[in-house]
Amino acid sequence: SVFETNSSSTHSITICSPEQLEELKNGTCNDENLKEEYESMLESDLESYCSSFITPKGEKIILFGNYGYDG
């Protein structure tokens, strides 16, 4: 999903599995949208983040993206 604010700040978030993140790092990921988001994060001049979480059902997920002022 996409959301919009009244500010000039930029935020992005991508959710994937730990396995998908490893595929992205190794260059073996077949998901073109996920590859595009990952490459965009790496190439951005904005601040980036990558964090892992465990859902209430015990699933491990990875969140990554960028944030900051883009103006």
N, C-alpha and C. Protein backbone atom coordinates (compact mmCIF):
# COMPACT_ATOMS: atom_id res chain seq x y z
N SER A 1 0.83 -1.19 0.00
CA SER A 1 0.00 0.00 0.00
C SER A 1 0.87 1.24 0.00
N VAL A 2 0.28 2.34 -0.38
CA VAL A 2 0.95 3.62 -0.41
C VAL A 2 0.16 4.59 0.43
N PHE A 3 0.86 5.44 1.18
CA PHE A 3 0.16 6.48 1.92
C PHE A 3 0.84 7.81 1.64
N GLU A 4 0.10 8.90 1.83
CA GLU A 4 0.63 10.22 1.53
C GLU A 4 0.45 11.11 2.75
N THR A 5 1.46 11.95 3.00
CA THR A 5 1.39 12.90 4.11
C THR A 5 1.44 14.31 3.55
N ASN A 6 1.23 15.30 4.40
CA ASN A 6 1.32 16.69 3.99
C ASN A 6 2.75 17.22 4.03
N SER A 7 3.68 16.42 4.48
CA SER A 7 5.05 16.89 4.62
C SER A 7 5.87 16.58 3.38
N SER A 8 7.10 17.05 3.38
CA SER A 8 8.02 16.78 2.28
C SER A 8 8.89 15.57 2.57
N SER A 9 8.52 14.82 3.57
CA SER A 9 9.32 13.66 3.92
C SER A 9 8.94 12.46 3.05
N THR A 10 9.86 11.52 2.93
CA THR A 10 9.67 10.33 2.13
C THR A 10 9.82 9.11 3.02
N HIS A 11 8.95 8.14 2.84
CA HIS A 11 8.99 6.90 3.61
C HIS A 11 8.71 5.73 2.68
N SER A 12 9.42 4.64 2.85
CA SER A 12 9.09 3.42 2.11
C SER A 12 9.31 2.24 3.02
N ILE A 13 8.54 1.20 2.80
CA ILE A 13 8.68 -0.02 3.59
C ILE A 13 8.40 -1.21 2.67
N THR A 14 9.24 -2.22 2.77
CA THR A 14 9.06 -3.47 2.04
C THR A 14 9.15 -4.60 3.04
N ILE A 15 8.27 -5.57 2.92
CA ILE A 15 8.23 -6.72 3.81
C ILE A 15 8.58 -7.97 3.02
N CYS A 16 9.51 -8.77 3.54
CA CYS A 16 9.87 -10.01 2.88
C CYS A 16 10.28 -11.04 3.93
N SER A 17 10.53 -12.24 3.47
CA SER A 17 10.99 -13.30 4.37
C SER A 17 12.51 -13.25 4.48
N PRO A 18 13.10 -13.84 5.51
CA PRO A 18 14.56 -13.90 5.60
C PRO A 18 15.18 -14.59 4.38
N GLU A 19 14.51 -15.60 3.86
CA GLU A 19 15.01 -16.31 2.68
C GLU A 19 15.05 -15.38 1.47
N GLN A 20 14.02 -14.56 1.32
CA GLN A 20 13.99 -13.62 0.20
C GLN A 20 15.11 -12.58 0.34
N LEU A 21 15.37 -12.13 1.56
CA LEU A 21 16.46 -11.17 1.77
C LEU A 21 17.80 -11.79 1.38
N GLU A 22 18.02 -13.03 1.74
CA GLU A 22 19.27 -13.70 1.36
C GLU A 22 19.38 -13.82 -0.16
N GLU A 23 18.27 -14.13 -0.82
CA GLU A 23 18.27 -14.20 -2.28
C GLU A 23 18.60 -12.84 -2.89
N LEU A 24 18.07 -11.77 -2.29
CA LEU A 24 18.37 -10.42 -2.78
C LEU A 24 19.87 -10.12 -2.62
N LYS A 25 20.42 -10.45 -1.46
CA LYS A 25 21.84 -10.20 -1.20
C LYS A 25 22.73 -11.02 -2.12
N ASN A 26 22.31 -12.23 -2.44
CA ASN A 26 23.10 -13.13 -3.29
C ASN A 26 22.86 -12.90 -4.78
N GLY A 27 21.88 -12.07 -5.12
CA GLY A 27 21.57 -11.82 -6.53
C GLY A 27 20.81 -12.95 -7.19
N THR A 28 20.16 -13.81 -6.39
CA THR A 28 19.45 -14.97 -6.95
C THR A 28 17.93 -14.83 -6.85
N CYS A 29 17.43 -13.65 -6.47
CA CYS A 29 15.99 -13.44 -6.31
C CYS A 29 15.33 -13.34 -7.68
N ASN A 30 14.21 -14.04 -7.87
CA ASN A 30 13.46 -14.02 -9.12
C ASN A 30 12.27 -13.06 -9.10
N ASP A 31 11.99 -12.45 -7.95
CA ASP A 31 10.86 -11.53 -7.82
C ASP A 31 11.32 -10.13 -8.27
N GLU A 32 10.91 -9.72 -9.47
CA GLU A 32 11.37 -8.45 -10.05
C GLU A 32 10.96 -7.24 -9.21
N ASN A 33 9.74 -7.24 -8.66
CA ASN A 33 9.29 -6.12 -7.83
C ASN A 33 10.13 -6.01 -6.57
N LEU A 34 10.41 -7.13 -5.94
CA LEU A 34 11.21 -7.13 -4.73
C LEU A 34 12.64 -6.68 -5.03
N LYS A 35 13.20 -7.14 -6.14
CA LYS A 35 14.54 -6.72 -6.54
C LYS A 35 14.59 -5.21 -6.77
N GLU A 36 13.56 -4.68 -7.41
CA GLU A 36 13.51 -3.25 -7.68
C GLU A 36 13.48 -2.44 -6.38
N GLU A 37 12.68 -2.87 -5.42
CA GLU A 37 12.59 -2.18 -4.14
C GLU A 37 13.92 -2.23 -3.39
N TYR A 38 14.57 -3.39 -3.40
CA TYR A 38 15.84 -3.56 -2.70
C TYR A 38 16.92 -2.69 -3.34
N GLU A 39 17.00 -2.71 -4.66
CA GLU A 39 17.99 -1.89 -5.36
C GLU A 39 17.73 -0.40 -5.14
N SER A 40 16.48 -0.02 -5.12
CA SER A 40 16.11 1.37 -4.87
C SER A 40 16.58 1.80 -3.48
N MET A 41 16.41 0.93 -2.49
CA MET A 41 16.86 1.25 -1.13
C MET A 41 18.37 1.45 -1.11
N LEU A 42 19.11 0.56 -1.77
CA LEU A 42 20.56 0.61 -1.75
C LEU A 42 21.10 1.85 -2.47
N GLU A 43 20.42 2.28 -3.52
CA GLU A 43 20.90 3.39 -4.34
C GLU A 43 20.42 4.76 -3.86
N SER A 44 19.51 4.80 -2.92
CA SER A 44 18.91 6.05 -2.47
C SER A 44 19.88 6.87 -1.63
N ASP A 45 19.71 8.19 -1.71
CA ASP A 45 20.48 9.11 -0.86
C ASP A 45 19.83 9.28 0.51
N LEU A 46 18.64 8.71 0.69
CA LEU A 46 17.92 8.82 1.95
C LEU A 46 18.49 7.83 2.97
N GLU A 47 18.08 7.99 4.22
CA GLU A 47 18.45 7.03 5.26
C GLU A 47 17.76 5.70 4.95
N SER A 48 18.41 4.60 5.26
CA SER A 48 17.81 3.28 5.03
C SER A 48 17.77 2.49 6.33
N TYR A 49 16.93 1.47 6.35
CA TYR A 49 16.83 0.60 7.52
C TYR A 49 16.53 -0.82 7.07
N CYS A 50 16.86 -1.75 7.91
CA CYS A 50 16.53 -3.16 7.70
C CYS A 50 16.40 -3.79 9.07
N SER A 51 15.22 -4.28 9.39
CA SER A 51 14.94 -4.86 10.71
C SER A 51 14.21 -6.18 10.58
N SER A 52 14.39 -7.03 11.55
CA SER A 52 13.65 -8.30 11.55
C SER A 52 12.71 -8.33 12.74
N PHE A 53 11.59 -9.00 12.54
CA PHE A 53 10.56 -9.13 13.57
C PHE A 53 10.00 -10.54 13.54
N ILE A 54 9.43 -10.94 14.65
CA ILE A 54 8.71 -12.22 14.73
C ILE A 54 7.25 -11.90 14.99
N THR A 55 6.38 -12.41 14.12
CA THR A 55 4.95 -12.15 14.24
C THR A 55 4.38 -12.92 15.44
N PRO A 56 3.17 -12.57 15.88
CA PRO A 56 2.54 -13.31 16.98
C PRO A 56 2.39 -14.81 16.68
N LYS A 57 2.36 -15.18 15.40
CA LYS A 57 2.26 -16.60 15.04
C LYS A 57 3.63 -17.26 14.91
N GLY A 58 4.70 -16.51 15.21
CA GLY A 58 6.03 -17.08 15.20
C GLY A 58 6.77 -17.01 13.87
N GLU A 59 6.22 -16.29 12.90
CA GLU A 59 6.87 -16.16 11.59
C GLU A 59 7.88 -15.01 11.65
N LYS A 60 9.07 -15.23 11.09
CA LYS A 60 10.07 -14.18 11.04
C LYS A 60 9.90 -13.41 9.73
N ILE A 61 9.85 -12.08 9.85
CA ILE A 61 9.73 -11.22 8.67
C ILE A 61 10.82 -10.16 8.71
N ILE A 62 11.17 -9.66 7.54
CA ILE A 62 12.15 -8.61 7.39
C ILE A 62 11.46 -7.37 6.83
N LEU A 63 11.77 -6.21 7.39
CA LEU A 63 11.27 -4.94 6.90
C LEU A 63 12.46 -4.11 6.46
N PHE A 64 12.39 -3.53 5.26
CA PHE A 64 13.46 -2.63 4.84
C PHE A 64 12.89 -1.49 4.02
N GLY A 65 13.64 -0.39 3.95
CA GLY A 65 13.18 0.75 3.18
C GLY A 65 14.02 1.97 3.43
N ASN A 66 13.46 3.12 3.07
CA ASN A 66 14.13 4.41 3.21
C ASN A 66 13.22 5.40 3.89
N TYR A 67 13.83 6.45 4.44
CA TYR A 67 13.07 7.55 5.02
C TYR A 67 13.93 8.80 5.01
N GLY A 68 13.29 9.93 5.10
CA GLY A 68 14.00 11.19 5.17
C GLY A 68 13.35 12.27 4.33
N TYR A 69 14.04 13.37 4.21
CA TYR A 69 13.56 14.52 3.47
C TYR A 69 14.03 14.40 2.03
N ASP A 70 13.11 14.48 1.09
CA ASP A 70 13.44 14.33 -0.32
C ASP A 70 13.02 15.60 -1.06
N GLY A 71 13.67 16.69 -0.75
CA GLY A 71 13.24 17.92 -1.38
C GLY A 71 14.28 18.99 -1.41
